[in-house]
Amino acid sequence: MNALLAVRDLEVAYGNIPALHGITIEVQKGEIVTLIGANGAGKTTTLRTISGLLKPRRGEIVFNERNIGGTKPDVITAMGVSHVPEGRGIFANLTVGDNLELGAYVRKEKITDSEYERVFALFPVLKERLKQNAGTLSGGEQQMLAISRALMSKPNVLLLDEPSLGLAPQMVQAIFRVVKEINAEGTTILLVEQNAHMALVTAHRGYVMETGRIVLHDTTKALLASDRVKKAYLGG
């Protein structure tokens, strides 16, 4: 079975400093797959390379059976891979509505009312904040906006980088409920998340990264039961 998204033998460096050492990851259509690991393990670098923000030194990134490694970010987004970056990356001086519109900039057709309603069903607070400047939103609301903006490009694959970062526990639960809902509606998700327990109870399969290498790969059920994972990432 061909993966919808596959990273094969990927090497990435910042100047002369290697960041990824030949990693291989596969994401099947309809899955949530998570990357967990310590800070600096290479998780964000992986997502940034898939979305075209970084160029690989070696290896390939295959989406829908097409090698997209080194392709420009806007082209990758138009193809169906949308990236919600670490730190959200919203346009703080623009309104919530403007941010949502910019999410669809690579599309030829306009955003439909049903697409807006889908976002407002996922995150009702955004409807109330539509004319408000995005920079005045709370951290959790900004994360909701970042995810919603990415959905406006109608992605087949959503790359989520640290969606729980800096959020209160109640908001984290809310964000991850929506992540599951987005997936249930048909969007495939590759999730990077520092909160390893939340990532593993949300995803179907997981990869563990250490210093730019994949050191474990299994179902999330097996990873949750792994003594190595418990000791390193789950406080057990």
Protein backbone atom coordinates (compact mmCIF):
# COMPACT_ATOMS: atom_id res chain seq x y z
CA MET A 1 0.00 0.00 0.00
CA ASN A 2 1.50 3.32 -1.08
CA ALA A 3 1.65 5.93 1.65
CA LEU A 4 -0.09 9.26 1.05
CA LEU A 5 3.01 10.98 2.46
CA ALA A 6 6.43 9.36 2.68
CA VAL A 7 9.78 10.71 3.83
CA ARG A 8 12.62 8.44 2.72
CA ASP A 9 16.26 8.58 3.82
CA LEU A 10 15.89 12.32 4.44
CA GLU A 11 18.98 14.31 5.36
CA VAL A 12 18.79 18.00 6.27
CA ALA A 13 21.47 20.36 7.57
CA TYR A 14 21.69 23.92 8.82
CA GLY A 15 24.85 25.04 7.06
CA ASN A 16 27.42 22.39 7.94
CA ILE A 17 25.47 21.16 10.98
CA PRO A 18 23.43 18.01 10.27
CA ALA A 19 19.89 18.06 11.65
CA LEU A 20 18.30 14.95 10.13
CA HIS A 21 20.31 11.78 9.53
CA GLY A 22 18.46 9.77 6.89
CA ILE A 23 15.02 9.47 8.49
CA THR A 24 12.16 7.48 6.96
CA ILE A 25 8.51 8.11 7.87
CA GLU A 26 5.27 6.99 6.23
CA VAL A 27 1.74 8.35 6.71
CA GLN A 28 -1.17 6.42 5.23
CA LYS A 29 -4.34 8.12 4.06
CA GLY A 30 -6.71 8.75 6.98
CA GLU A 31 -4.12 8.32 9.72
CA ILE A 32 -2.90 10.52 12.52
CA VAL A 33 0.82 9.85 12.85
CA THR A 34 2.86 11.54 15.57
CA LEU A 35 6.53 12.40 15.97
CA ILE A 36 7.65 12.63 19.58
CA GLY A 37 11.04 13.41 21.04
CA ALA A 38 13.01 15.88 23.12
CA ASN A 39 13.64 19.48 22.10
CA GLY A 40 16.20 19.57 19.31
CA ALA A 41 15.46 16.03 18.14
CA GLY A 42 14.56 17.22 14.63
CA LYS A 43 10.76 17.11 14.73
CA THR A 44 10.15 20.71 13.63
CA THR A 45 12.90 20.41 11.02
CA THR A 46 11.07 17.41 9.57
CA LEU A 47 7.81 19.33 9.16
CA ARG A 48 9.56 22.42 7.82
CA THR A 49 11.28 20.30 5.17
CA ILE A 50 8.06 18.54 4.14
CA SER A 51 6.30 21.89 3.72
CA GLY A 52 9.14 23.34 1.63
CA LEU A 53 10.56 25.82 4.15
CA LEU A 54 13.84 23.87 4.21
CA LYS A 55 15.57 22.05 1.38
CA PRO A 56 16.75 18.48 1.89
CA ARG A 57 20.39 17.63 1.40
CA ARG A 58 19.51 14.08 0.40
CA GLY A 59 16.52 11.73 0.28
CA GLU A 60 13.01 12.30 -0.95
CA ILE A 61 9.61 13.50 0.20
CA VAL A 62 6.79 11.82 -1.70
CA PHE A 63 3.21 13.11 -1.58
CA ASN A 64 0.57 11.41 -3.72
CA GLU A 65 3.35 9.48 -5.48
CA ARG A 66 5.14 12.69 -6.49
CA ASN A 67 8.52 13.80 -5.14
CA ILE A 68 8.00 17.25 -3.62
CA GLY A 69 11.40 17.65 -1.94
CA GLY A 70 12.71 21.17 -2.51
CA THR A 71 9.42 22.41 -4.00
CA LYS A 72 8.32 25.94 -3.02
CA PRO A 73 5.98 26.15 0.02
CA ASP A 74 3.08 27.78 -1.85
CA VAL A 75 3.17 25.04 -4.49
CA ILE A 76 3.17 22.33 -1.81
CA THR A 77 0.22 24.01 -0.08
CA ALA A 78 -1.67 24.16 -3.37
CA MET A 79 -0.98 20.45 -3.88
CA GLY A 80 -2.71 19.63 -0.60
CA VAL A 81 -0.18 19.77 2.26
CA SER A 82 -0.84 22.53 4.80
CA HIS A 83 1.47 23.43 7.70
CA VAL A 84 0.44 24.86 11.08
CA PRO A 85 3.84 26.04 12.36
CA GLU A 86 5.18 26.04 15.88
CA GLY A 87 4.27 29.41 17.41
CA ARG A 88 1.11 29.60 15.23
CA GLY A 89 2.40 32.21 12.74
CA ILE A 90 -0.85 34.16 12.52
CA PHE A 91 -0.98 37.68 11.11
CA ALA A 92 -1.45 39.58 14.37
CA ASN A 93 -2.35 42.95 12.81
CA LEU A 94 -5.07 41.49 10.60
CA THR A 95 -8.54 40.41 11.66
CA VAL A 96 -9.57 36.82 12.26
CA GLY A 97 -11.58 36.98 9.03
CA ASP A 98 -8.58 38.25 7.06
CA ASN A 99 -6.41 35.45 8.44
CA LEU A 100 -8.98 32.87 7.34
CA GLU A 101 -9.14 34.38 3.85
CA LEU A 102 -5.35 34.28 3.54
CA GLY A 103 -5.48 30.57 4.29
CA ALA A 104 -7.18 30.12 0.92
CA TYR A 105 -4.79 32.29 -1.10
CA VAL A 106 -3.48 29.34 -3.16
CA ARG A 107 -6.98 28.36 -4.24
CA LYS A 108 -8.69 29.50 -7.41
CA GLU A 109 -12.20 29.36 -5.97
CA LYS A 110 -13.57 31.53 -3.16
CA ILE A 111 -14.24 30.25 0.33
CA THR A 112 -17.81 28.97 0.56
CA ASP A 113 -20.24 29.65 3.39
CA SER A 114 -20.17 25.95 4.26
CA GLU A 115 -16.40 26.09 4.75
CA TYR A 116 -16.76 28.99 7.15
CA GLU A 117 -19.51 27.11 8.96
CA ARG A 118 -17.28 24.06 9.26
CA VAL A 119 -14.58 26.15 10.97
CA PHE A 120 -17.11 27.84 13.24
CA ALA A 121 -18.53 24.42 14.17
CA LEU A 122 -15.04 23.29 15.17
CA PHE A 123 -14.16 26.56 16.93
CA PRO A 124 -17.32 28.59 17.73
CA VAL A 125 -15.33 31.38 19.41
CA LEU A 126 -13.82 32.38 16.05
CA LYS A 127 -17.23 33.41 14.75
CA GLU A 128 -17.55 35.81 17.68
CA ARG A 129 -14.04 37.18 17.00
CA LEU A 130 -14.30 37.46 13.21
CA LYS A 131 -13.71 41.24 13.05
CA GLN A 132 -11.22 41.29 15.92
CA ASN A 133 -7.47 41.67 15.35
CA ALA A 134 -5.84 38.26 15.65
CA GLY A 135 -3.10 39.61 17.92
CA THR A 136 -5.69 40.34 20.63
CA LEU A 137 -6.80 36.69 20.86
CA SER A 138 -5.73 34.43 23.71
CA GLY A 139 -3.05 31.82 23.01
CA GLY A 140 -5.64 29.09 22.67
CA GLU A 141 -7.78 31.16 20.32
CA GLN A 142 -4.72 31.93 18.20
CA GLN A 143 -4.02 28.20 17.92
CA MET A 144 -7.62 27.64 16.84
CA LEU A 145 -7.19 30.35 14.21
CA ALA A 146 -3.90 28.87 12.95
CA ILE A 147 -5.52 25.46 12.49
CA SER A 148 -8.60 26.99 10.85
CA ARG A 149 -6.49 29.08 8.48
CA ALA A 150 -4.66 25.92 7.38
CA LEU A 151 -7.97 24.13 6.77
CA MET A 152 -9.02 26.90 4.37
CA SER A 153 -6.54 25.57 1.82
CA LYS A 154 -8.55 22.29 1.82
CA PRO A 155 -5.54 20.10 2.66
CA ASN A 156 -5.29 16.34 2.21
CA VAL A 157 -2.50 16.35 4.81
CA LEU A 158 -2.26 18.69 7.79
CA LEU A 159 1.16 19.18 9.42
CA LEU A 160 0.65 20.23 13.04
CA ASP A 161 3.68 21.50 14.97
CA GLU A 162 3.30 21.71 18.78
CA PRO A 163 -0.42 22.63 18.90
CA SER A 164 -0.47 22.45 22.72
CA LEU A 165 2.54 24.74 23.24
CA GLY A 166 1.90 27.26 26.02
CA LEU A 167 -1.76 26.34 26.46
CA ALA A 168 -3.67 25.60 29.66
CA PRO A 169 -4.61 21.90 30.16
CA GLN A 170 -8.31 22.52 29.46
CA MET A 171 -7.47 24.24 26.17
CA VAL A 172 -5.09 21.41 25.24
CA GLN A 173 -7.93 18.91 25.66
CA ALA A 174 -10.17 21.08 23.46
CA ILE A 175 -7.56 21.42 20.70
CA PHE A 176 -6.91 17.68 20.59
CA ARG A 177 -10.62 16.85 20.49
CA VAL A 178 -10.80 18.98 17.35
CA VAL A 179 -7.68 17.33 15.89
CA LYS A 180 -9.48 13.99 16.16
CA GLU A 181 -12.61 15.48 14.61
CA ILE A 182 -10.68 16.95 11.66
CA ASN A 183 -9.13 13.53 11.09
CA ALA A 184 -12.51 11.77 11.34
CA GLU A 185 -13.78 14.09 8.60
CA GLY A 186 -11.06 12.79 6.26
CA THR A 187 -7.92 14.90 6.76
CA THR A 188 -4.68 12.97 7.26
CA ILE A 189 -2.49 14.44 10.03
CA LEU A 190 1.22 14.40 10.84
CA LEU A 191 1.54 15.69 14.39
CA VAL A 192 4.63 16.97 16.22
CA GLU A 193 3.93 17.34 19.91
CA GLN A 194 6.01 17.82 23.07
CA ASN A 195 3.19 16.42 25.21
CA ALA A 196 4.00 12.80 24.39
CA HIS A 197 1.10 11.28 26.30
CA MET A 198 -1.48 13.49 24.56
CA ALA A 199 0.12 12.78 21.18
CA LEU A 200 0.13 9.03 21.71
CA VAL A 201 -3.49 8.81 22.90
CA THR A 202 -4.57 10.89 19.89
CA ALA A 203 -2.58 9.29 17.04
CA HIS A 204 -2.73 5.85 15.42
CA ARG A 205 1.00 5.32 14.99
CA GLY A 206 4.08 7.07 16.27
CA TYR A 207 7.77 7.64 15.58
CA VAL A 208 10.26 8.51 18.30
CA MET A 209 13.07 10.87 17.25
CA GLU A 210 16.40 11.36 18.99
CA THR A 211 19.13 13.67 17.65
CA GLY A 212 17.87 13.61 14.08
CA ARG A 213 17.21 9.88 13.89
CA ILE A 214 14.15 7.65 14.17
CA VAL A 215 14.84 5.28 17.07
CA LEU A 216 11.41 3.68 17.52
CA HIS A 217 8.31 3.21 15.37
CA ASP A 218 5.13 1.37 16.32
CA THR A 219 1.44 1.67 16.97
CA THR A 220 0.69 4.24 19.65
CA LYS A 221 -0.74 1.50 21.85
CA ALA A 222 2.61 -0.31 21.75
CA LEU A 223 4.58 2.91 22.31
CA LEU A 224 2.44 3.78 25.35
CA ALA A 225 3.30 0.37 26.79
CA SER A 226 7.03 0.63 25.97
CA ASP A 227 9.31 0.90 29.02
CA ARG A 228 11.74 3.02 26.99
CA VAL A 229 9.02 5.49 26.02
CA LYS A 230 7.55 5.55 29.52
CA LYS A 231 10.92 6.31 31.08
CA ALA A 232 12.00 8.95 28.55
CA TYR A 233 8.76 10.74 27.68
CA LEU A 234 5.88 9.73 29.95
CA GLY A 235 7.45 10.19 33.38
CA GLY A 236 7.08 6.51 34.21
